């Protein structure tokens, strides 16, 4: 059985990216803001924010908290992933495509 030592999540927005990291051996969780970069992901899990349940009383929403929470949920296998349509699968073209 293979156990991952680190779970990493990215909370990605149009103008910002925050990475959340969970070290499963120590339980330490931390986050870092990353500079915006072109989005060319080769692999990973895509999660729709609307599919995530919010803990009761959680009124303060920050990118840092979201990224750390995503890393924890990834580690325990509780991220509800969604399929991202591509042009090959009949999805709509992205922004900047010819109209």
N, C-alpha and C. Protein backbone atom coordinates (compact mmCIF):
# COMPACT_ATOMS: atom_id res chain seq x y z
N UNK A 1 0.84 -1.18 0.00
CA UNK A 1 0.00 0.00 0.00
C UNK A 1 0.88 1.24 0.00
N UNK A 2 0.57 2.18 -0.89
CA UNK A 2 1.35 3.41 -1.00
C UNK A 2 0.62 4.52 -0.27
N UNK A 3 1.34 5.20 0.60
CA UNK A 3 0.77 6.33 1.32
C UNK A 3 1.48 7.61 0.87
N UNK A 4 0.69 8.63 0.56
CA UNK A 4 1.28 9.91 0.18
C UNK A 4 1.66 10.66 1.44
N UNK A 5 2.81 11.27 1.40
CA UNK A 5 3.25 12.05 2.55
C UNK A 5 2.72 13.46 2.49
N UNK A 6 2.53 14.00 1.29
CA UNK A 6 2.11 15.38 1.14
C UNK A 6 0.93 15.48 0.19
N UNK A 7 -0.06 16.27 0.57
CA UNK A 7 -1.18 16.58 -0.32
C UNK A 7 -1.11 18.06 -0.64
N UNK A 8 -1.23 18.40 -1.92
CA UNK A 8 -1.12 19.78 -2.37
C UNK A 8 -2.38 20.16 -3.12
N UNK A 9 -2.91 21.34 -2.82
CA UNK A 9 -4.09 21.84 -3.54
C UNK A 9 -3.80 23.23 -4.07
N UNK A 10 -4.53 23.61 -5.11
CA UNK A 10 -4.43 24.95 -5.67
C UNK A 10 -5.82 25.56 -5.72
N UNK A 11 -5.97 26.73 -5.11
CA UNK A 11 -7.21 27.49 -5.20
C UNK A 11 -6.95 28.52 -6.29
N UNK A 12 -7.50 28.28 -7.48
CA UNK A 12 -7.16 29.06 -8.67
C UNK A 12 -8.30 30.01 -9.02
N UNK A 13 -7.93 31.26 -9.22
CA UNK A 13 -8.86 32.30 -9.67
C UNK A 13 -8.25 32.97 -10.90
N UNK A 14 -8.98 33.85 -11.52
CA UNK A 14 -8.49 34.51 -12.73
C UNK A 14 -7.21 35.29 -12.48
N UNK A 15 -7.09 35.91 -11.30
CA UNK A 15 -5.92 36.76 -11.04
C UNK A 15 -5.07 36.31 -9.87
N UNK A 16 -5.34 35.16 -9.30
CA UNK A 16 -4.53 34.70 -8.17
C UNK A 16 -4.57 33.19 -8.04
N UNK A 17 -3.54 32.65 -7.43
CA UNK A 17 -3.44 31.22 -7.13
C UNK A 17 -2.90 31.10 -5.71
N UNK A 18 -3.55 30.28 -4.89
CA UNK A 18 -3.05 30.00 -3.55
C UNK A 18 -2.86 28.49 -3.43
N UNK A 19 -1.68 28.07 -3.01
CA UNK A 19 -1.39 26.65 -2.83
C UNK A 19 -1.56 26.30 -1.36
N UNK A 20 -2.21 25.17 -1.09
CA UNK A 20 -2.34 24.64 0.25
C UNK A 20 -1.59 23.33 0.33
N UNK A 21 -0.83 23.11 1.39
CA UNK A 21 -0.01 21.90 1.53
C UNK A 21 -0.28 21.26 2.87
N UNK A 22 -0.48 19.95 2.86
CA UNK A 22 -0.68 19.18 4.09
C UNK A 22 0.41 18.13 4.17
N UNK A 23 1.25 18.20 5.21
CA UNK A 23 2.25 17.17 5.48
C UNK A 23 1.56 16.14 6.37
N UNK A 24 1.30 14.96 5.83
CA UNK A 24 0.50 13.98 6.56
C UNK A 24 1.25 13.33 7.71
N UNK A 25 2.57 13.40 7.72
CA UNK A 25 3.32 12.82 8.84
C UNK A 25 3.28 13.71 10.07
N UNK A 26 3.38 15.02 9.84
CA UNK A 26 3.39 15.95 10.98
C UNK A 26 2.04 16.60 11.24
N UNK A 27 1.15 16.55 10.23
CA UNK A 27 -0.14 17.21 10.36
C UNK A 27 -0.08 18.71 10.09
N UNK A 28 1.10 19.20 9.75
CA UNK A 28 1.27 20.63 9.49
C UNK A 28 0.59 21.01 8.18
N UNK A 29 -0.14 22.13 8.20
CA UNK A 29 -0.80 22.66 7.01
C UNK A 29 -0.33 24.08 6.81
N UNK A 30 0.03 24.42 5.59
CA UNK A 30 0.42 25.79 5.31
C UNK A 30 -0.01 26.16 3.91
N UNK A 31 0.05 27.45 3.62
CA UNK A 31 -0.36 27.93 2.30
C UNK A 31 0.57 29.04 1.84
N UNK A 32 0.62 29.21 0.53
CA UNK A 32 1.43 30.26 -0.08
C UNK A 32 0.69 30.82 -1.28
N UNK A 33 0.74 32.14 -1.43
CA UNK A 33 0.18 32.78 -2.62
C UNK A 33 1.22 32.67 -3.73
N UNK A 34 0.77 32.26 -4.90
CA UNK A 34 1.66 32.09 -6.05
C UNK A 34 1.36 33.18 -7.07
N UNK A 35 2.37 33.55 -7.87
CA UNK A 35 2.10 34.55 -8.91
C UNK A 35 1.20 33.95 -9.98
N UNK A 36 0.32 34.76 -10.57
CA UNK A 36 -0.52 34.26 -11.65
C UNK A 36 0.36 33.76 -12.79
N UNK A 37 -0.06 32.69 -13.41
CA UNK A 37 0.70 32.09 -14.50
C UNK A 37 -0.27 31.54 -15.52
N UNK A 38 0.20 31.32 -16.74
CA UNK A 38 -0.68 30.69 -17.74
C UNK A 38 -1.16 29.34 -17.24
N UNK A 39 -2.43 29.05 -17.44
CA UNK A 39 -3.01 27.80 -16.93
C UNK A 39 -2.89 26.70 -17.96
N UNK A 40 -1.93 25.86 -17.77
CA UNK A 40 -1.77 24.67 -18.61
C UNK A 40 -1.53 23.50 -17.69
N UNK A 41 -2.59 22.91 -17.19
CA UNK A 41 -2.49 21.81 -16.25
C UNK A 41 -2.42 20.50 -17.02
N UNK A 42 -1.50 19.65 -16.65
CA UNK A 42 -1.39 18.36 -17.34
C UNK A 42 -2.20 17.28 -16.63
N UNK A 43 -2.39 17.40 -15.34
CA UNK A 43 -3.17 16.39 -14.62
C UNK A 43 -3.64 16.98 -13.31
N UNK A 44 -4.56 16.28 -12.68
CA UNK A 44 -5.06 16.73 -11.39
C UNK A 44 -6.56 16.53 -11.30
N UNK A 45 -7.12 16.92 -10.18
CA UNK A 45 -8.55 16.80 -9.93
C UNK A 45 -9.14 18.20 -9.97
N UNK A 46 -10.23 18.38 -10.70
CA UNK A 46 -10.92 19.67 -10.73
C UNK A 46 -12.16 19.54 -9.87
N UNK A 47 -12.33 20.53 -8.99
CA UNK A 47 -13.45 20.50 -8.04
C UNK A 47 -14.31 21.74 -8.25
N UNK A 48 -15.61 21.55 -8.29
CA UNK A 48 -16.54 22.68 -8.38
C UNK A 48 -16.81 23.19 -6.96
N UNK A 49 -16.58 24.47 -6.71
CA UNK A 49 -16.80 25.00 -5.36
C UNK A 49 -18.22 24.76 -4.85
N UNK A 50 -19.19 24.76 -5.75
CA UNK A 50 -20.58 24.57 -5.33
C UNK A 50 -20.84 23.17 -4.80
N UNK A 51 -19.95 22.21 -5.08
CA UNK A 51 -20.12 20.84 -4.63
C UNK A 51 -19.55 20.60 -3.23
N UNK A 52 -18.81 21.58 -2.71
CA UNK A 52 -18.19 21.43 -1.39
C UNK A 52 -19.13 21.94 -0.31
N UNK A 53 -19.26 21.17 0.74
CA UNK A 53 -20.07 21.60 1.87
C UNK A 53 -19.24 22.52 2.76
N UNK A 54 -19.88 23.52 3.31
CA UNK A 54 -19.23 24.45 4.23
C UNK A 54 -19.54 24.04 5.66
N UNK A 55 -18.52 24.02 6.52
CA UNK A 55 -18.78 23.72 7.94
C UNK A 55 -19.71 24.78 8.53
N UNK A 56 -20.60 24.38 9.45
CA UNK A 56 -21.48 25.36 10.08
C UNK A 56 -20.68 26.44 10.80
N UNK A 57 -21.11 27.67 10.68
CA UNK A 57 -20.43 28.77 11.35
C UNK A 57 -19.21 29.29 10.63
N UNK A 58 -18.87 28.70 9.47
CA UNK A 58 -17.70 29.14 8.70
C UNK A 58 -18.11 30.32 7.83
N UNK A 59 -17.98 31.53 8.38
CA UNK A 59 -18.44 32.72 7.67
C UNK A 59 -17.29 33.46 6.99
N UNK A 60 -16.07 33.24 7.43
CA UNK A 60 -14.93 33.93 6.85
C UNK A 60 -14.35 33.05 5.76
N UNK A 61 -14.44 33.52 4.52
CA UNK A 61 -13.94 32.75 3.39
C UNK A 61 -12.72 33.46 2.82
N UNK A 62 -11.58 32.79 2.87
CA UNK A 62 -10.37 33.35 2.29
C UNK A 62 -9.76 32.31 1.37
N UNK A 63 -8.97 32.76 0.41
CA UNK A 63 -8.29 31.83 -0.50
C UNK A 63 -7.36 30.91 0.27
N UNK A 64 -6.69 31.45 1.30
CA UNK A 64 -5.76 30.64 2.10
C UNK A 64 -6.51 29.51 2.79
N UNK A 65 -7.62 29.83 3.44
CA UNK A 65 -8.41 28.79 4.12
C UNK A 65 -8.94 27.76 3.12
N UNK A 66 -9.39 28.25 1.97
CA UNK A 66 -9.91 27.33 0.95
C UNK A 66 -8.83 26.36 0.48
N UNK A 67 -7.62 26.87 0.21
CA UNK A 67 -6.54 26.01 -0.27
C UNK A 67 -6.15 24.98 0.78
N UNK A 68 -6.06 25.39 2.05
CA UNK A 68 -5.71 24.44 3.11
C UNK A 68 -6.80 23.39 3.29
N UNK A 69 -8.06 23.81 3.20
CA UNK A 69 -9.17 22.87 3.33
C UNK A 69 -9.19 21.88 2.17
N UNK A 70 -8.90 22.36 0.97
CA UNK A 70 -8.84 21.46 -0.18
C UNK A 70 -7.74 20.41 -0.01
N UNK A 71 -6.58 20.81 0.54
CA UNK A 71 -5.50 19.84 0.77
C UNK A 71 -5.94 18.77 1.76
N UNK A 72 -6.65 19.16 2.82
CA UNK A 72 -7.14 18.18 3.80
C UNK A 72 -8.15 17.23 3.16
N UNK A 73 -9.11 17.79 2.40
CA UNK A 73 -10.12 16.95 1.75
C UNK A 73 -9.51 16.02 0.71
N UNK A 74 -8.49 16.50 0.01
CA UNK A 74 -7.79 15.64 -0.97
C UNK A 74 -7.16 14.45 -0.27
N UNK A 75 -6.53 14.70 0.86
CA UNK A 75 -5.85 13.63 1.59
C UNK A 75 -6.81 12.53 2.05
N UNK A 76 -8.00 12.92 2.49
CA UNK A 76 -8.94 11.90 2.98
C UNK A 76 -9.88 11.39 1.88
N UNK A 77 -9.67 11.85 0.64
CA UNK A 77 -10.45 11.34 -0.48
C UNK A 77 -11.88 11.86 -0.53
N UNK A 78 -12.10 13.07 -0.04
CA UNK A 78 -13.45 13.62 0.02
C UNK A 78 -13.68 14.79 -0.95
N UNK A 79 -12.91 14.86 -2.03
CA UNK A 79 -13.12 15.92 -3.01
C UNK A 79 -14.05 15.42 -4.11
N UNK A 80 -15.20 16.07 -4.29
CA UNK A 80 -16.11 15.66 -5.37
C UNK A 80 -15.63 16.25 -6.70
N UNK A 81 -14.97 15.45 -7.51
CA UNK A 81 -14.39 15.97 -8.75
C UNK A 81 -15.47 16.12 -9.82
N UNK A 82 -15.18 16.97 -10.78
CA UNK A 82 -16.08 17.19 -11.91
C UNK A 82 -15.28 16.99 -13.19
N UNK A 83 -15.97 16.69 -14.28
CA UNK A 83 -15.32 16.53 -15.58
C UNK A 83 -15.30 17.89 -16.26
N UNK A 84 -14.15 18.25 -16.79
CA UNK A 84 -14.02 19.51 -17.50
C UNK A 84 -14.20 19.21 -18.97
N UNK A 85 -15.21 19.83 -19.61
CA UNK A 85 -15.41 19.56 -21.04
C UNK A 85 -14.27 20.14 -21.86
N UNK A 86 -13.90 19.42 -22.88
CA UNK A 86 -12.88 19.89 -23.81
C UNK A 86 -13.53 19.97 -25.18
N UNK A 87 -12.84 20.58 -26.11
CA UNK A 87 -13.38 20.67 -27.47
C UNK A 87 -13.56 19.28 -28.06
N UNK A 88 -12.67 18.35 -27.71
CA UNK A 88 -12.79 16.99 -28.23
C UNK A 88 -14.01 16.27 -27.67
N UNK A 89 -14.43 16.65 -26.47
CA UNK A 89 -15.59 16.03 -25.83
C UNK A 89 -16.87 16.82 -26.08
N UNK A 90 -16.81 17.82 -26.93
CA UNK A 90 -18.00 18.58 -27.23
C UNK A 90 -18.21 19.78 -26.36
N UNK A 91 -17.16 20.21 -25.64
CA UNK A 91 -17.27 21.38 -24.78
C UNK A 91 -17.19 22.65 -25.59
N UNK A 92 -17.54 23.75 -24.97
CA UNK A 92 -17.46 25.04 -25.63
C UNK A 92 -16.03 25.53 -25.63
N UNK A 93 -15.63 26.25 -26.67
CA UNK A 93 -14.27 26.80 -26.68
C UNK A 93 -14.11 27.85 -25.59
N UNK A 94 -12.89 28.01 -25.12
CA UNK A 94 -12.61 28.96 -24.05
C UNK A 94 -12.56 30.39 -24.53
N UNK A 95 -12.29 31.31 -23.61
CA UNK A 95 -12.21 32.72 -23.98
C UNK A 95 -11.10 32.96 -24.99
N UNK A 96 -11.33 33.88 -25.88
CA UNK A 96 -10.32 34.19 -26.87
C UNK A 96 -10.43 33.32 -28.11
N UNK A 97 -11.31 32.34 -28.11
CA UNK A 97 -11.48 31.50 -29.30
C UNK A 97 -12.25 32.30 -30.34
N UNK A 98 -12.02 31.99 -31.59
CA UNK A 98 -12.72 32.70 -32.68
C UNK A 98 -14.22 32.57 -32.56
N UNK A 99 -14.91 33.65 -32.86
CA UNK A 99 -16.38 33.63 -32.74
C UNK A 99 -16.99 33.84 -34.09
